[in-house]
N, C-alpha and C. Protein backbone atom coordinates (compact mmCIF):
# COMPACT_ATOMS: atom_id res chain seq x y z
N MET A 1 29.01 -20.25 9.44
CA MET A 1 27.83 -20.18 8.59
C MET A 1 26.56 -20.52 9.37
N GLU A 2 26.64 -21.52 10.22
CA GLU A 2 25.49 -21.91 11.02
C GLU A 2 25.09 -20.80 11.98
N GLU A 3 26.10 -20.11 12.52
CA GLU A 3 25.82 -19.00 13.43
C GLU A 3 25.09 -17.87 12.70
N TYR A 4 25.53 -17.60 11.49
CA TYR A 4 24.88 -16.56 10.67
C TYR A 4 23.44 -16.94 10.38
N ARG A 5 23.21 -18.18 10.01
CA ARG A 5 21.86 -18.64 9.70
C ARG A 5 20.94 -18.55 10.92
N ARG A 6 21.48 -18.92 12.09
CA ARG A 6 20.69 -18.85 13.31
C ARG A 6 20.34 -17.40 13.64
N MET A 7 21.27 -16.49 13.40
CA MET A 7 21.03 -15.07 13.66
C MET A 7 19.91 -14.54 12.77
N VAL A 8 19.92 -14.94 11.50
CA VAL A 8 18.87 -14.51 10.57
C VAL A 8 17.52 -15.10 10.96
N GLU A 9 17.52 -16.37 11.37
CA GLU A 9 16.27 -17.02 11.76
C GLU A 9 15.66 -16.37 13.00
N GLU A 10 16.51 -15.95 13.93
CA GLU A 10 16.03 -15.37 15.19
C GLU A 10 15.82 -13.87 15.12
N SER A 11 16.12 -13.27 13.98
CA SER A 11 15.98 -11.82 13.83
C SER A 11 14.53 -11.39 14.06
N PRO A 12 14.32 -10.22 14.68
CA PRO A 12 12.95 -9.70 14.83
C PRO A 12 12.39 -9.18 13.51
N LEU A 13 13.23 -9.10 12.48
CA LEU A 13 12.80 -8.64 11.16
C LEU A 13 12.30 -9.81 10.32
N MET A 14 11.38 -9.51 9.40
CA MET A 14 10.93 -10.51 8.44
C MET A 14 11.87 -10.43 7.23
N ILE A 15 12.58 -11.51 6.95
CA ILE A 15 13.63 -11.50 5.94
C ILE A 15 13.33 -12.50 4.83
N TRP A 16 13.54 -12.08 3.58
CA TRP A 16 13.45 -12.99 2.45
C TRP A 16 14.62 -12.74 1.52
N ARG A 17 14.86 -13.68 0.65
CA ARG A 17 15.97 -13.56 -0.29
C ARG A 17 15.54 -14.08 -1.66
N SER A 18 16.04 -13.44 -2.71
CA SER A 18 15.82 -13.93 -4.07
C SER A 18 17.18 -14.18 -4.71
N ASP A 19 17.20 -15.04 -5.72
CA ASP A 19 18.46 -15.29 -6.42
C ASP A 19 18.63 -14.27 -7.55
N ALA A 20 19.64 -14.47 -8.39
CA ALA A 20 19.97 -13.50 -9.44
C ALA A 20 18.91 -13.42 -10.52
N THR A 21 18.02 -14.41 -10.59
CA THR A 21 16.94 -14.38 -11.58
C THR A 21 15.67 -13.76 -11.02
N GLY A 22 15.67 -13.50 -9.73
CA GLY A 22 14.49 -12.92 -9.10
C GLY A 22 13.62 -13.93 -8.39
N LYS A 23 13.97 -15.20 -8.44
CA LYS A 23 13.17 -16.22 -7.77
C LYS A 23 13.43 -16.20 -6.27
N CYS A 24 12.35 -16.19 -5.51
CA CYS A 24 12.47 -16.21 -4.05
C CYS A 24 12.94 -17.59 -3.60
N ASP A 25 14.05 -17.63 -2.84
CA ASP A 25 14.57 -18.93 -2.41
C ASP A 25 14.73 -19.06 -0.90
N TYR A 26 14.29 -18.02 -0.16
CA TYR A 26 14.41 -18.13 1.30
C TYR A 26 13.46 -17.16 1.99
N LEU A 27 12.79 -17.64 3.02
CA LEU A 27 11.99 -16.82 3.93
C LEU A 27 12.38 -17.23 5.34
N ASN A 28 12.68 -16.26 6.21
CA ASN A 28 13.07 -16.66 7.57
C ASN A 28 11.85 -17.01 8.42
N ARG A 29 12.10 -17.53 9.59
CA ARG A 29 11.03 -18.03 10.45
C ARG A 29 10.07 -16.91 10.85
N ARG A 30 10.59 -15.70 11.08
CA ARG A 30 9.74 -14.58 11.46
C ARG A 30 8.73 -14.27 10.36
N TRP A 31 9.17 -14.36 9.12
CA TRP A 31 8.29 -14.12 7.98
C TRP A 31 7.19 -15.19 7.93
N LEU A 32 7.60 -16.45 8.08
CA LEU A 32 6.64 -17.55 8.02
C LEU A 32 5.68 -17.53 9.20
N ASP A 33 6.18 -17.15 10.38
CA ASP A 33 5.30 -17.04 11.55
C ASP A 33 4.26 -15.96 11.35
N PHE A 34 4.64 -14.90 10.67
CA PHE A 34 3.73 -13.77 10.46
C PHE A 34 2.62 -14.12 9.48
N VAL A 35 2.99 -14.69 8.32
CA VAL A 35 1.98 -14.95 7.28
C VAL A 35 1.45 -16.37 7.31
N GLY A 36 2.11 -17.26 8.07
CA GLY A 36 1.72 -18.66 8.07
C GLY A 36 2.46 -19.40 6.98
N PRO A 37 2.38 -20.73 6.97
CA PRO A 37 3.08 -21.53 5.95
C PRO A 37 2.69 -21.05 4.55
N THR A 38 3.69 -20.92 3.70
CA THR A 38 3.44 -20.44 2.34
C THR A 38 4.09 -21.37 1.32
N ALA A 39 3.52 -21.39 0.14
CA ALA A 39 4.07 -22.20 -0.95
C ALA A 39 4.40 -21.30 -2.11
N GLY A 40 4.91 -21.86 -3.17
CA GLY A 40 5.17 -21.08 -4.37
C GLY A 40 6.44 -20.29 -4.32
N LEU A 41 7.47 -20.75 -3.61
CA LEU A 41 8.71 -20.00 -3.53
C LEU A 41 9.48 -20.01 -4.85
N GLU A 42 9.01 -20.77 -5.82
CA GLU A 42 9.76 -20.90 -7.05
C GLU A 42 9.58 -19.71 -7.98
N HIS A 43 8.65 -18.78 -7.68
CA HIS A 43 8.46 -17.67 -8.60
C HIS A 43 8.89 -16.34 -7.99
N VAL A 44 9.08 -15.37 -8.85
CA VAL A 44 9.71 -14.11 -8.47
C VAL A 44 8.94 -13.34 -7.40
N ASP A 45 7.63 -13.44 -7.40
CA ASP A 45 6.84 -12.58 -6.53
C ASP A 45 6.26 -13.33 -5.33
N ALA A 46 6.92 -14.37 -4.88
CA ALA A 46 6.40 -15.15 -3.75
C ALA A 46 6.21 -14.28 -2.51
N TRP A 47 7.13 -13.34 -2.28
CA TRP A 47 7.05 -12.47 -1.11
C TRP A 47 5.82 -11.57 -1.15
N ALA A 48 5.19 -11.45 -2.35
CA ALA A 48 4.04 -10.57 -2.50
C ALA A 48 2.71 -11.29 -2.41
N GLU A 49 2.74 -12.61 -2.18
CA GLU A 49 1.49 -13.39 -2.20
C GLU A 49 0.48 -12.91 -1.16
N SER A 50 0.97 -12.44 -0.02
CA SER A 50 0.06 -12.02 1.05
C SER A 50 -0.18 -10.51 1.06
N MET A 51 0.31 -9.82 0.04
CA MET A 51 0.18 -8.37 0.00
C MET A 51 -1.25 -7.95 -0.33
N HIS A 52 -1.67 -6.82 0.22
CA HIS A 52 -2.99 -6.26 -0.08
C HIS A 52 -3.07 -5.92 -1.57
N ALA A 53 -4.21 -6.23 -2.17
CA ALA A 53 -4.37 -6.03 -3.62
C ALA A 53 -4.17 -4.58 -4.03
N ASP A 54 -4.53 -3.63 -3.16
CA ASP A 54 -4.39 -2.21 -3.49
C ASP A 54 -2.94 -1.76 -3.53
N ASP A 55 -2.04 -2.52 -2.90
CA ASP A 55 -0.63 -2.14 -2.84
C ASP A 55 0.24 -2.93 -3.82
N LEU A 56 -0.30 -4.01 -4.35
CA LEU A 56 0.51 -4.96 -5.11
C LEU A 56 1.15 -4.35 -6.36
N LYS A 57 0.38 -3.72 -7.21
CA LYS A 57 0.90 -3.19 -8.46
C LYS A 57 1.99 -2.16 -8.22
N ARG A 58 1.75 -1.25 -7.27
CA ARG A 58 2.72 -0.20 -6.97
C ARG A 58 4.04 -0.78 -6.47
N CYS A 59 3.96 -1.72 -5.54
CA CYS A 59 5.18 -2.27 -4.94
C CYS A 59 5.96 -3.15 -5.91
N LEU A 60 5.26 -3.94 -6.73
CA LEU A 60 5.95 -4.76 -7.71
C LEU A 60 6.68 -3.89 -8.73
N ALA A 61 6.08 -2.77 -9.10
CA ALA A 61 6.73 -1.86 -10.04
C ALA A 61 8.02 -1.29 -9.43
N ILE A 62 7.95 -0.92 -8.15
CA ILE A 62 9.14 -0.39 -7.46
C ILE A 62 10.23 -1.45 -7.40
N TYR A 63 9.85 -2.67 -7.03
CA TYR A 63 10.83 -3.75 -6.88
C TYR A 63 11.45 -4.14 -8.22
N HIS A 64 10.64 -4.29 -9.25
CA HIS A 64 11.16 -4.70 -10.55
C HIS A 64 12.09 -3.65 -11.15
N LEU A 65 11.77 -2.39 -10.95
CA LEU A 65 12.65 -1.33 -11.44
C LEU A 65 13.98 -1.35 -10.70
N ALA A 66 13.92 -1.51 -9.37
CA ALA A 66 15.15 -1.57 -8.58
C ALA A 66 15.98 -2.80 -8.98
N PHE A 67 15.30 -3.91 -9.20
CA PHE A 67 15.99 -5.15 -9.58
C PHE A 67 16.71 -4.97 -10.91
N ALA A 68 16.05 -4.35 -11.86
CA ALA A 68 16.66 -4.14 -13.18
C ALA A 68 17.88 -3.23 -13.10
N ARG A 69 17.84 -2.29 -12.17
CA ARG A 69 18.96 -1.35 -12.03
C ARG A 69 19.99 -1.79 -10.99
N ARG A 70 19.70 -2.91 -10.31
CA ARG A 70 20.58 -3.40 -9.23
C ARG A 70 20.73 -2.34 -8.14
N GLU A 71 19.61 -1.70 -7.78
CA GLU A 71 19.61 -0.64 -6.78
C GLU A 71 18.76 -1.05 -5.57
N PRO A 72 19.06 -0.50 -4.39
CA PRO A 72 18.19 -0.74 -3.23
C PRO A 72 16.88 0.02 -3.38
N CYS A 73 15.88 -0.39 -2.65
CA CYS A 73 14.62 0.34 -2.66
C CYS A 73 13.91 0.12 -1.32
N GLN A 74 12.90 0.93 -1.08
CA GLN A 74 12.12 0.83 0.16
C GLN A 74 10.65 0.94 -0.18
N MET A 75 9.84 0.11 0.47
CA MET A 75 8.40 0.09 0.20
C MET A 75 7.64 -0.01 1.52
N GLU A 76 6.46 0.53 1.52
CA GLU A 76 5.57 0.42 2.67
C GLU A 76 4.23 -0.09 2.16
N TYR A 77 3.79 -1.22 2.68
CA TYR A 77 2.57 -1.84 2.16
C TYR A 77 1.93 -2.73 3.22
N ARG A 78 0.74 -3.23 2.91
CA ARG A 78 0.00 -4.08 3.83
C ARG A 78 0.17 -5.55 3.47
N ILE A 79 0.41 -6.37 4.50
CA ILE A 79 0.51 -7.82 4.32
C ILE A 79 -0.55 -8.49 5.20
N ARG A 80 -1.18 -9.51 4.65
CA ARG A 80 -2.18 -10.26 5.40
C ARG A 80 -1.48 -11.20 6.40
N ARG A 81 -1.76 -10.98 7.66
CA ARG A 81 -1.20 -11.83 8.71
C ARG A 81 -1.90 -13.18 8.71
N HIS A 82 -1.34 -14.15 9.43
CA HIS A 82 -1.90 -15.51 9.45
C HIS A 82 -3.34 -15.55 9.95
N ASP A 83 -3.76 -14.52 10.72
CA ASP A 83 -5.14 -14.49 11.22
C ASP A 83 -6.09 -13.73 10.31
N GLY A 84 -5.59 -13.32 9.12
CA GLY A 84 -6.43 -12.63 8.15
C GLY A 84 -6.43 -11.11 8.27
N VAL A 85 -5.76 -10.57 9.29
CA VAL A 85 -5.70 -9.12 9.50
C VAL A 85 -4.54 -8.54 8.69
N TYR A 86 -4.80 -7.43 7.99
CA TYR A 86 -3.73 -6.77 7.24
C TYR A 86 -2.96 -5.83 8.15
N ARG A 87 -1.64 -5.91 8.06
CA ARG A 87 -0.75 -5.07 8.86
C ARG A 87 0.19 -4.30 7.92
N TRP A 88 0.53 -3.07 8.31
CA TRP A 88 1.45 -2.26 7.52
C TRP A 88 2.89 -2.69 7.81
N ILE A 89 3.65 -2.94 6.74
CA ILE A 89 5.04 -3.36 6.84
C ILE A 89 5.90 -2.40 6.03
N ILE A 90 7.03 -2.01 6.58
CA ILE A 90 8.01 -1.25 5.81
C ILE A 90 9.17 -2.18 5.48
N TYR A 91 9.48 -2.25 4.20
CA TYR A 91 10.50 -3.19 3.72
C TYR A 91 11.65 -2.44 3.06
N ARG A 92 12.86 -2.82 3.42
CA ARG A 92 14.07 -2.33 2.80
C ARG A 92 14.70 -3.48 2.02
N VAL A 93 14.92 -3.26 0.72
CA VAL A 93 15.41 -4.31 -0.16
C VAL A 93 16.75 -3.88 -0.75
N VAL A 94 17.76 -4.73 -0.65
CA VAL A 94 19.10 -4.38 -1.14
C VAL A 94 19.68 -5.53 -1.97
N PRO A 95 20.47 -5.21 -3.01
CA PRO A 95 21.15 -6.26 -3.77
C PRO A 95 22.35 -6.79 -2.99
N PHE A 96 22.77 -8.03 -3.28
CA PHE A 96 23.98 -8.57 -2.68
C PHE A 96 24.77 -9.33 -3.73
N ASN A 97 26.07 -9.47 -3.47
CA ASN A 97 26.97 -10.15 -4.39
C ASN A 97 27.47 -11.46 -3.79
N ASN A 98 27.91 -12.38 -4.65
CA ASN A 98 28.51 -13.62 -4.18
C ASN A 98 30.00 -13.39 -3.88
N GLN A 99 30.71 -14.43 -3.53
CA GLN A 99 32.12 -14.29 -3.15
C GLN A 99 32.98 -13.82 -4.31
N ALA A 100 32.53 -14.04 -5.53
CA ALA A 100 33.29 -13.59 -6.70
C ALA A 100 32.98 -12.13 -7.05
N GLY A 101 32.11 -11.51 -6.25
CA GLY A 101 31.76 -10.12 -6.51
C GLY A 101 30.69 -9.93 -7.55
N GLU A 102 30.02 -11.00 -7.93
CA GLU A 102 28.98 -10.93 -8.94
C GLU A 102 27.61 -10.78 -8.29
N PHE A 103 26.72 -10.09 -8.97
CA PHE A 103 25.36 -9.92 -8.47
C PHE A 103 24.71 -11.29 -8.24
N ALA A 104 24.18 -11.49 -7.03
CA ALA A 104 23.62 -12.80 -6.68
C ALA A 104 22.15 -12.75 -6.32
N GLY A 105 21.57 -11.56 -6.22
CA GLY A 105 20.16 -11.47 -5.90
C GLY A 105 19.86 -10.32 -4.95
N TYR A 106 18.74 -10.44 -4.26
CA TYR A 106 18.27 -9.39 -3.36
C TYR A 106 17.93 -9.98 -1.99
N ILE A 107 18.12 -9.16 -0.97
CA ILE A 107 17.69 -9.50 0.38
C ILE A 107 16.74 -8.40 0.86
N GLY A 108 15.59 -8.80 1.37
CA GLY A 108 14.63 -7.84 1.90
C GLY A 108 14.39 -8.07 3.38
N SER A 109 14.27 -6.99 4.14
CA SER A 109 13.96 -7.10 5.57
C SER A 109 12.86 -6.11 5.90
N GLY A 110 11.88 -6.58 6.67
CA GLY A 110 10.74 -5.73 6.97
C GLY A 110 10.33 -5.79 8.43
N MET A 111 9.59 -4.76 8.85
CA MET A 111 9.07 -4.73 10.21
C MET A 111 7.68 -4.12 10.21
N ASP A 112 6.91 -4.50 11.19
CA ASP A 112 5.52 -4.06 11.34
C ASP A 112 5.50 -2.63 11.85
N VAL A 113 4.87 -1.72 11.09
CA VAL A 113 4.77 -0.31 11.49
C VAL A 113 3.31 0.13 11.53
N THR A 114 2.41 -0.81 11.78
CA THR A 114 0.98 -0.51 11.75
C THR A 114 0.59 0.60 12.71
N GLU A 115 1.11 0.56 13.94
CA GLU A 115 0.74 1.56 14.94
C GLU A 115 1.13 2.97 14.48
N ARG A 116 2.31 3.09 13.87
CA ARG A 116 2.75 4.41 13.39
C ARG A 116 1.86 4.89 12.26
N VAL A 117 1.56 4.03 11.31
CA VAL A 117 0.73 4.41 10.17
C VAL A 117 -0.67 4.80 10.62
N GLU A 118 -1.26 4.01 11.51
CA GLU A 118 -2.61 4.31 11.99
C GLU A 118 -2.62 5.58 12.83
N GLY A 119 -1.55 5.82 13.59
CA GLY A 119 -1.46 7.05 14.37
C GLY A 119 -1.40 8.27 13.47
N GLN A 120 -0.62 8.19 12.39
CA GLN A 120 -0.54 9.29 11.44
C GLN A 120 -1.88 9.52 10.76
N GLU A 121 -2.60 8.44 10.45
CA GLU A 121 -3.90 8.57 9.81
C GLU A 121 -4.91 9.23 10.75
N THR A 122 -4.88 8.86 12.02
CA THR A 122 -5.77 9.47 13.00
C THR A 122 -5.49 10.97 13.13
N LEU A 123 -4.21 11.32 13.18
CA LEU A 123 -3.83 12.73 13.27
C LEU A 123 -4.26 13.50 12.04
N TYR A 124 -4.07 12.89 10.86
CA TYR A 124 -4.46 13.55 9.62
C TYR A 124 -5.98 13.81 9.59
N LYS A 125 -6.76 12.82 10.00
CA LYS A 125 -8.22 12.98 9.99
C LYS A 125 -8.65 14.10 10.94
N ALA A 126 -8.00 14.16 12.11
CA ALA A 126 -8.34 15.21 13.07
C ALA A 126 -7.99 16.59 12.52
N GLN A 127 -6.82 16.70 11.88
CA GLN A 127 -6.41 17.98 11.30
C GLN A 127 -7.33 18.37 10.15
N TRP A 128 -7.74 17.39 9.33
CA TRP A 128 -8.63 17.68 8.22
C TRP A 128 -10.01 18.12 8.70
N ALA A 129 -10.48 17.49 9.79
CA ALA A 129 -11.79 17.87 10.34
C ALA A 129 -11.76 19.32 10.81
N GLU A 130 -10.63 19.73 11.42
CA GLU A 130 -10.50 21.11 11.87
C GLU A 130 -10.44 22.06 10.67
N LEU A 131 -9.70 21.65 9.64
CA LEU A 131 -9.57 22.48 8.46
C LEU A 131 -10.90 22.67 7.75
N LYS A 132 -11.73 21.62 7.73
CA LYS A 132 -13.02 21.70 7.05
C LYS A 132 -13.92 22.77 7.66
N LYS A 133 -13.71 23.06 8.94
CA LYS A 133 -14.53 24.08 9.59
C LYS A 133 -14.35 25.43 8.93
N PHE A 134 -13.15 25.66 8.37
CA PHE A 134 -12.87 26.95 7.74
C PHE A 134 -13.34 27.00 6.29
N HIS A 135 -13.85 25.88 5.77
CA HIS A 135 -14.37 25.85 4.41
C HIS A 135 -15.87 26.15 4.40
N GLU A 136 -16.45 26.25 5.56
CA GLU A 136 -17.88 26.48 5.65
C GLU A 136 -18.16 27.97 5.87
N LEU A 137 -19.39 28.39 5.50
CA LEU A 137 -19.79 29.76 5.77
C LEU A 137 -20.00 29.95 7.26
N VAL A 138 -19.37 30.96 7.83
CA VAL A 138 -19.46 31.22 9.26
C VAL A 138 -20.17 32.56 9.47
N PRO A 139 -21.30 32.58 10.22
CA PRO A 139 -22.04 33.83 10.44
C PRO A 139 -21.23 34.81 11.30
N ILE A 140 -21.08 36.03 10.80
CA ILE A 140 -20.40 37.10 11.54
C ILE A 140 -21.37 38.27 11.66
N CYS A 141 -21.48 38.82 12.87
CA CYS A 141 -22.36 39.96 13.10
C CYS A 141 -21.84 41.17 12.32
N ALA A 142 -22.70 41.77 11.51
CA ALA A 142 -22.31 42.90 10.68
C ALA A 142 -21.98 44.14 11.50
N HIS A 143 -22.46 44.18 12.75
CA HIS A 143 -22.24 45.38 13.57
C HIS A 143 -21.02 45.22 14.49
N CYS A 144 -21.03 44.19 15.35
CA CYS A 144 -19.95 44.06 16.34
C CYS A 144 -18.85 43.10 15.92
N LYS A 145 -19.08 42.39 14.80
CA LYS A 145 -18.09 41.44 14.26
C LYS A 145 -17.90 40.19 15.11
N ASN A 146 -18.80 39.94 16.07
CA ASN A 146 -18.75 38.66 16.77
C ASN A 146 -19.12 37.54 15.80
N ILE A 147 -18.73 36.33 16.14
CA ILE A 147 -18.92 35.20 15.23
C ILE A 147 -19.72 34.11 15.94
N ARG A 148 -20.60 33.42 15.19
CA ARG A 148 -21.40 32.35 15.78
C ARG A 148 -20.71 31.01 15.50
N ASP A 149 -20.44 30.23 16.56
CA ASP A 149 -19.74 28.97 16.39
C ASP A 149 -20.70 27.86 15.99
N ASP A 150 -20.17 26.63 15.84
CA ASP A 150 -20.99 25.51 15.38
C ASP A 150 -22.00 25.03 16.41
N LYS A 151 -21.94 25.57 17.64
CA LYS A 151 -22.92 25.22 18.67
C LYS A 151 -23.98 26.31 18.83
N GLY A 152 -23.87 27.38 18.03
CA GLY A 152 -24.88 28.43 18.06
C GLY A 152 -24.55 29.58 19.00
N TYR A 153 -23.38 29.56 19.64
CA TYR A 153 -23.00 30.63 20.56
C TYR A 153 -22.23 31.72 19.83
N TRP A 154 -22.46 32.97 20.26
CA TRP A 154 -21.74 34.09 19.67
C TRP A 154 -20.52 34.41 20.52
N THR A 155 -19.39 34.60 19.87
CA THR A 155 -18.15 34.86 20.59
C THR A 155 -17.27 35.77 19.75
N HIS A 156 -16.21 36.30 20.39
CA HIS A 156 -15.28 37.17 19.67
C HIS A 156 -14.55 36.39 18.58
N LEU A 157 -14.29 37.06 17.48
CA LEU A 157 -13.59 36.44 16.37
C LEU A 157 -12.23 35.90 16.82
N GLU A 158 -11.52 36.67 17.65
CA GLU A 158 -10.21 36.23 18.12
C GLU A 158 -10.30 34.92 18.90
N THR A 159 -11.32 34.80 19.74
CA THR A 159 -11.50 33.58 20.54
C THR A 159 -11.81 32.39 19.64
N TYR A 160 -12.67 32.62 18.66
CA TYR A 160 -13.06 31.56 17.73
C TYR A 160 -11.85 31.01 16.98
N LEU A 161 -11.04 31.89 16.45
CA LEU A 161 -9.86 31.46 15.68
C LEU A 161 -8.80 30.83 16.57
N GLN A 162 -8.63 31.38 17.76
CA GLN A 162 -7.61 30.85 18.66
C GLN A 162 -7.92 29.42 19.08
N GLU A 163 -9.20 29.11 19.31
CA GLU A 163 -9.60 27.77 19.73
C GLU A 163 -9.43 26.75 18.61
N ARG A 164 -9.56 27.18 17.36
CA ARG A 164 -9.54 26.23 16.24
C ARG A 164 -8.22 26.20 15.48
N ALA A 165 -7.44 27.24 15.56
CA ALA A 165 -6.20 27.28 14.77
C ALA A 165 -4.98 27.59 15.62
N ASP A 166 -5.13 27.64 16.93
CA ASP A 166 -4.02 27.92 17.83
C ASP A 166 -3.33 29.23 17.46
N LEU A 167 -4.15 30.23 17.12
CA LEU A 167 -3.61 31.54 16.78
C LEU A 167 -3.64 32.43 18.01
N HIS A 168 -2.69 33.34 18.10
CA HIS A 168 -2.65 34.32 19.19
C HIS A 168 -2.60 35.71 18.59
N PHE A 169 -3.19 36.67 19.27
CA PHE A 169 -3.36 38.00 18.71
C PHE A 169 -2.75 39.08 19.59
N THR A 170 -2.35 40.13 18.93
CA THR A 170 -1.99 41.36 19.63
C THR A 170 -2.77 42.48 18.95
N HIS A 171 -3.11 43.52 19.68
CA HIS A 171 -3.98 44.55 19.14
C HIS A 171 -3.21 45.83 18.86
N GLY A 172 -3.66 46.52 17.83
CA GLY A 172 -3.09 47.80 17.46
C GLY A 172 -4.17 48.63 16.78
N ILE A 173 -3.76 49.71 16.16
CA ILE A 173 -4.70 50.60 15.46
C ILE A 173 -4.19 50.80 14.05
N CYS A 174 -5.04 50.52 13.08
CA CYS A 174 -4.63 50.67 11.68
C CYS A 174 -4.68 52.15 11.31
N PRO A 175 -4.03 52.55 10.21
CA PRO A 175 -4.01 53.96 9.81
C PRO A 175 -5.39 54.58 9.59
N VAL A 176 -6.32 53.78 9.03
CA VAL A 176 -7.67 54.31 8.77
C VAL A 176 -8.38 54.66 10.07
N CYS A 177 -8.32 53.75 11.05
CA CYS A 177 -8.97 54.01 12.33
C CYS A 177 -8.25 55.12 13.09
N SER A 178 -6.96 55.23 12.92
CA SER A 178 -6.21 56.30 13.57
C SER A 178 -6.70 57.66 13.09
N GLN A 179 -6.90 57.80 11.76
CA GLN A 179 -7.40 59.07 11.21
C GLN A 179 -8.82 59.35 11.67
N LYS A 180 -9.63 58.28 11.77
CA LYS A 180 -11.04 58.46 12.09
C LYS A 180 -11.26 58.79 13.57
N TYR A 181 -10.58 58.05 14.45
CA TYR A 181 -10.87 58.18 15.87
C TYR A 181 -9.82 58.99 16.63
N TYR A 182 -8.62 59.10 16.09
CA TYR A 182 -7.56 59.84 16.78
C TYR A 182 -6.86 60.80 15.82
N PRO A 183 -7.60 61.70 15.21
CA PRO A 183 -6.98 62.60 14.22
C PRO A 183 -5.98 63.54 14.87
N GLY A 184 -4.84 63.70 14.18
CA GLY A 184 -3.86 64.69 14.62
C GLY A 184 -3.01 64.33 15.82
N ASP A 185 -3.05 63.06 16.29
CA ASP A 185 -2.23 62.74 17.46
C ASP A 185 -0.88 62.13 17.07
N GLY A 186 -0.62 61.99 15.76
CA GLY A 186 0.70 61.54 15.33
C GLY A 186 0.99 60.06 15.52
N LEU A 187 -0.05 59.23 15.59
CA LEU A 187 0.20 57.80 15.75
C LEU A 187 0.89 57.21 14.53
N PHE A 188 0.57 57.75 13.34
CA PHE A 188 1.17 57.25 12.11
C PHE A 188 1.79 58.42 11.34
N PRO A 189 2.91 58.17 10.66
CA PRO A 189 3.49 59.22 9.82
C PRO A 189 2.58 59.51 8.63
N GLU A 190 2.78 60.70 8.01
CA GLU A 190 1.92 61.11 6.90
C GLU A 190 1.91 60.09 5.76
N SER A 191 3.03 59.42 5.55
CA SER A 191 3.12 58.47 4.44
C SER A 191 2.20 57.27 4.62
N GLU A 192 1.76 57.00 5.83
CA GLU A 192 0.91 55.85 6.09
C GLU A 192 -0.56 56.22 6.24
N LYS A 193 -0.85 57.51 6.38
CA LYS A 193 -2.23 57.89 6.68
C LYS A 193 -3.17 57.67 5.52
N ASN A 194 -2.65 57.56 4.32
CA ASN A 194 -3.50 57.33 3.16
C ASN A 194 -3.52 55.88 2.72
N THR A 195 -3.01 55.02 3.59
CA THR A 195 -2.99 53.59 3.26
C THR A 195 -4.41 53.07 3.10
N HIS A 196 -4.68 52.36 2.03
CA HIS A 196 -6.02 51.80 1.80
C HIS A 196 -6.09 50.38 2.35
N ILE A 197 -7.08 50.10 3.11
CA ILE A 197 -7.30 48.79 3.68
C ILE A 197 -8.02 47.92 2.67
N GLY A 198 -7.59 46.68 2.55
CA GLY A 198 -8.29 45.73 1.70
C GLY A 198 -7.61 45.47 0.38
N LYS A 199 -6.57 46.23 0.05
CA LYS A 199 -5.84 45.95 -1.18
C LYS A 199 -4.87 44.82 -1.00
């Protein structure tokens, strides 16, 4: 038993436990080191005391529903570290039974995933900034179809799209242009020569 307790205390995960009534009765050293000394372990939501206010309602609803159903659940939320900085934590919560096989409470284990969350947010913002460029009116020359970029330079439409959307092009001749510029050379069968562009 002592070996098991030492393993839990030295775990790199932040671990807490609640009893069958939902009262938090254990926080491991990693958890306490992260948030600093905490009080109020006698109530059900002690593990949520350091949670960001914007995440609290959502996560408590997930936990209480899982608790009522005796089901595992997973949550991702922000916890205030001992230095006042909020960090993203992913928590996996599972029910456990006593030696008699009866429901005895829940055990939760969490780890800091701030770098992953912030990396995803940075990528999302970059992708959204690129996407916004296509929501704006873009000047296109009515004669040659060149396009003016956000720096004021005129360039080919293919180049403009390729730089912003990683698109690649191959060139061909549509049925309308085939009839207009290459009549009677058989580039397209008769069934395609009346194809209307733009439908």
